[in-house]
Amino acid sequence: MKKPGGSSLLLLGVGTMLTSMVISGALLGYGLDAWLNTRPLFMLILGCLGFVGGMIKVYKMLSRPDASG
């Protein structure tokens, strides 16, 4: 039997996962841009890659909620 609060915790994890992947991609891109003096090229590229990776992770989390990872 499933707990009633399980779906809300899953959605909280999904939102956190997506946000953290986008922010970490943008921060890594910002660091590369500062190092290579190419603002805002890498920040935009890695931010978009973080968004795409986050969406893939969210899709996997929501398609099989009982499987971990």
N, C-alpha and C. Protein backbone atom coordinates (compact mmCIF):
# COMPACT_ATOMS: atom_id res chain seq x y z
N MET A 1 0.83 -1.19 0.00
CA MET A 1 0.00 0.00 0.00
C MET A 1 0.88 1.25 0.00
N LYS A 2 0.57 2.18 -0.86
CA LYS A 2 1.36 3.40 -0.98
C LYS A 2 0.92 4.43 0.04
N LYS A 3 1.87 5.23 0.48
CA LYS A 3 1.55 6.34 1.36
C LYS A 3 0.88 7.44 0.56
N PRO A 4 -0.08 8.17 1.14
CA PRO A 4 -0.74 9.24 0.39
C PRO A 4 0.16 10.42 0.07
N GLY A 5 1.20 10.66 0.86
CA GLY A 5 2.08 11.79 0.63
C GLY A 5 3.22 11.49 -0.32
N GLY A 6 3.28 10.29 -0.87
CA GLY A 6 4.39 9.89 -1.73
C GLY A 6 4.47 10.67 -3.02
N SER A 7 3.32 10.97 -3.61
CA SER A 7 3.34 11.68 -4.89
C SER A 7 3.79 13.13 -4.72
N SER A 8 3.44 13.75 -3.61
CA SER A 8 3.87 15.13 -3.41
C SER A 8 5.38 15.19 -3.17
N LEU A 9 5.92 14.19 -2.49
CA LEU A 9 7.37 14.16 -2.29
C LEU A 9 8.09 13.90 -3.61
N LEU A 10 7.49 13.08 -4.47
CA LEU A 10 8.08 12.83 -5.78
C LEU A 10 8.10 14.12 -6.60
N LEU A 11 7.02 14.87 -6.58
CA LEU A 11 6.97 16.13 -7.33
C LEU A 11 7.94 17.16 -6.77
N LEU A 12 8.13 17.16 -5.47
CA LEU A 12 9.12 18.06 -4.87
C LEU A 12 10.53 17.68 -5.32
N GLY A 13 10.80 16.38 -5.38
CA GLY A 13 12.10 15.92 -5.86
C GLY A 13 12.32 16.24 -7.33
N VAL A 14 11.26 16.14 -8.12
CA VAL A 14 11.35 16.45 -9.55
C VAL A 14 11.69 17.92 -9.75
N GLY A 15 11.01 18.79 -9.05
CA GLY A 15 11.28 20.23 -9.18
C GLY A 15 12.68 20.59 -8.72
N THR A 16 13.11 19.98 -7.64
CA THR A 16 14.45 20.23 -7.14
C THR A 16 15.50 19.73 -8.12
N MET A 17 15.27 18.56 -8.70
CA MET A 17 16.22 17.98 -9.65
C MET A 17 16.36 18.87 -10.89
N LEU A 18 15.24 19.31 -11.45
CA LEU A 18 15.28 20.15 -12.64
C LEU A 18 15.99 21.47 -12.36
N THR A 19 15.63 22.09 -11.25
CA THR A 19 16.23 23.38 -10.91
C THR A 19 17.73 23.25 -10.66
N SER A 20 18.13 22.22 -9.95
CA SER A 20 19.55 22.08 -9.64
C SER A 20 20.38 21.79 -10.88
N MET A 21 19.84 21.05 -11.83
CA MET A 21 20.60 20.75 -13.05
C MET A 21 20.77 22.00 -13.91
N VAL A 22 19.71 22.82 -14.00
CA VAL A 22 19.81 24.05 -14.80
C VAL A 22 20.79 25.04 -14.14
N ILE A 23 20.68 25.19 -12.84
CA ILE A 23 21.55 26.14 -12.14
C ILE A 23 23.01 25.68 -12.19
N SER A 24 23.24 24.38 -11.99
CA SER A 24 24.62 23.91 -12.03
C SER A 24 25.22 24.03 -13.42
N GLY A 25 24.43 23.80 -14.47
CA GLY A 25 24.94 24.00 -15.83
C GLY A 25 25.27 25.45 -16.10
N ALA A 26 24.39 26.34 -15.65
CA ALA A 26 24.64 27.76 -15.86
C ALA A 26 25.86 28.25 -15.07
N LEU A 27 26.03 27.75 -13.85
CA LEU A 27 27.19 28.15 -13.05
C LEU A 27 28.50 27.62 -13.64
N LEU A 28 28.48 26.39 -14.12
CA LEU A 28 29.68 25.87 -14.78
C LEU A 28 30.00 26.67 -16.04
N GLY A 29 28.98 27.03 -16.79
CA GLY A 29 29.18 27.85 -17.97
C GLY A 29 29.69 29.22 -17.64
N TYR A 30 29.20 29.79 -16.55
CA TYR A 30 29.67 31.10 -16.12
C TYR A 30 31.14 31.04 -15.74
N GLY A 31 31.53 29.97 -15.06
CA GLY A 31 32.94 29.80 -14.70
C GLY A 31 33.82 29.64 -15.92
N LEU A 32 33.36 28.87 -16.90
CA LEU A 32 34.13 28.73 -18.14
C LEU A 32 34.22 30.05 -18.89
N ASP A 33 33.13 30.79 -18.91
CA ASP A 33 33.14 32.09 -19.58
C ASP A 33 34.10 33.07 -18.91
N ALA A 34 34.13 33.05 -17.60
CA ALA A 34 35.05 33.94 -16.88
C ALA A 34 36.50 33.53 -17.14
N TRP A 35 36.73 32.24 -17.22
CA TRP A 35 38.09 31.74 -17.44
C TRP A 35 38.56 32.00 -18.86
N LEU A 36 37.66 31.80 -19.85
CA LEU A 36 38.04 31.95 -21.25
C LEU A 36 37.66 33.32 -21.85
N ASN A 37 37.02 34.17 -21.05
CA ASN A 37 36.60 35.50 -21.48
C ASN A 37 35.71 35.43 -22.73
N THR A 38 34.67 34.60 -22.67
CA THR A 38 33.76 34.41 -23.81
C THR A 38 32.31 34.62 -23.41
N ARG A 39 32.04 35.57 -22.53
CA ARG A 39 30.67 35.75 -22.02
C ARG A 39 29.69 36.00 -23.13
N PRO A 40 28.49 35.52 -23.10
CA PRO A 40 27.83 34.50 -22.28
C PRO A 40 27.70 33.17 -23.01
N LEU A 41 28.63 32.84 -23.87
CA LEU A 41 28.52 31.68 -24.74
C LEU A 41 28.34 30.37 -23.96
N PHE A 42 29.29 30.03 -23.10
CA PHE A 42 29.22 28.75 -22.40
C PHE A 42 28.12 28.72 -21.35
N MET A 43 27.79 29.86 -20.77
CA MET A 43 26.71 29.90 -19.80
C MET A 43 25.39 29.52 -20.46
N LEU A 44 25.14 30.03 -21.65
CA LEU A 44 23.91 29.69 -22.35
C LEU A 44 23.92 28.23 -22.82
N ILE A 45 25.03 27.79 -23.34
CA ILE A 45 25.10 26.41 -23.85
C ILE A 45 24.94 25.41 -22.71
N LEU A 46 25.69 25.58 -21.63
CA LEU A 46 25.60 24.63 -20.54
C LEU A 46 24.29 24.77 -19.75
N GLY A 47 23.72 25.96 -19.72
CA GLY A 47 22.40 26.12 -19.11
C GLY A 47 21.34 25.37 -19.89
N CYS A 48 21.41 25.45 -21.21
CA CYS A 48 20.46 24.70 -22.05
C CYS A 48 20.68 23.20 -21.94
N LEU A 49 21.94 22.78 -21.88
CA LEU A 49 22.21 21.35 -21.70
C LEU A 49 21.73 20.86 -20.33
N GLY A 50 21.86 21.70 -19.33
CA GLY A 50 21.32 21.36 -18.01
C GLY A 50 19.82 21.23 -18.03
N PHE A 51 19.15 22.10 -18.80
CA PHE A 51 17.69 22.02 -18.92
C PHE A 51 17.28 20.73 -19.62
N VAL A 52 17.96 20.40 -20.71
CA VAL A 52 17.63 19.17 -21.45
C VAL A 52 17.90 17.95 -20.58
N GLY A 53 19.04 17.93 -19.90
CA GLY A 53 19.34 16.81 -19.01
C GLY A 53 18.36 16.72 -17.86
N GLY A 54 17.94 17.86 -17.35
CA GLY A 54 16.94 17.88 -16.28
C GLY A 54 15.60 17.35 -16.75
N MET A 55 15.21 17.71 -17.96
CA MET A 55 13.94 17.21 -18.49
C MET A 55 13.99 15.70 -18.70
N ILE A 56 15.12 15.19 -19.16
CA ILE A 56 15.26 13.74 -19.33
C ILE A 56 15.18 13.04 -17.97
N LYS A 57 15.85 13.60 -16.97
CA LYS A 57 15.81 13.02 -15.63
C LYS A 57 14.40 13.07 -15.05
N VAL A 58 13.69 14.17 -15.26
CA VAL A 58 12.31 14.30 -14.78
C VAL A 58 11.41 13.27 -15.46
N TYR A 59 11.60 13.10 -16.76
CA TYR A 59 10.80 12.11 -17.48
C TYR A 59 11.03 10.70 -16.94
N LYS A 60 12.29 10.38 -16.67
CA LYS A 60 12.60 9.06 -16.14
C LYS A 60 12.04 8.88 -14.73
N MET A 61 12.09 9.94 -13.92
CA MET A 61 11.57 9.85 -12.56
C MET A 61 10.06 9.69 -12.56
N LEU A 62 9.37 10.37 -13.47
CA LEU A 62 7.91 10.31 -13.49
C LEU A 62 7.37 9.11 -14.23
N SER A 63 8.14 8.53 -15.14
CA SER A 63 7.63 7.39 -15.89
C SER A 63 7.68 6.12 -15.04
N ARG A 64 8.65 6.00 -14.14
CA ARG A 64 8.74 4.85 -13.23
C ARG A 64 8.98 5.37 -11.82
N PRO A 65 7.95 5.82 -11.12
CA PRO A 65 8.18 6.42 -9.81
C PRO A 65 8.64 5.44 -8.74
N ASP A 66 8.40 4.13 -8.92
CA ASP A 66 8.83 3.19 -7.90
C ASP A 66 10.28 2.76 -8.07
N ALA A 67 10.87 3.07 -9.24
CA ALA A 67 12.29 2.76 -9.46
C ALA A 67 13.14 3.93 -9.01
N SER A 68 14.26 3.66 -8.41
CA SER A 68 15.12 4.74 -7.93
C SER A 68 16.13 5.13 -9.00
N GLY A 69 16.44 6.46 -9.05
CA GLY A 69 17.51 6.97 -9.87
C GLY A 69 17.18 7.26 -11.24
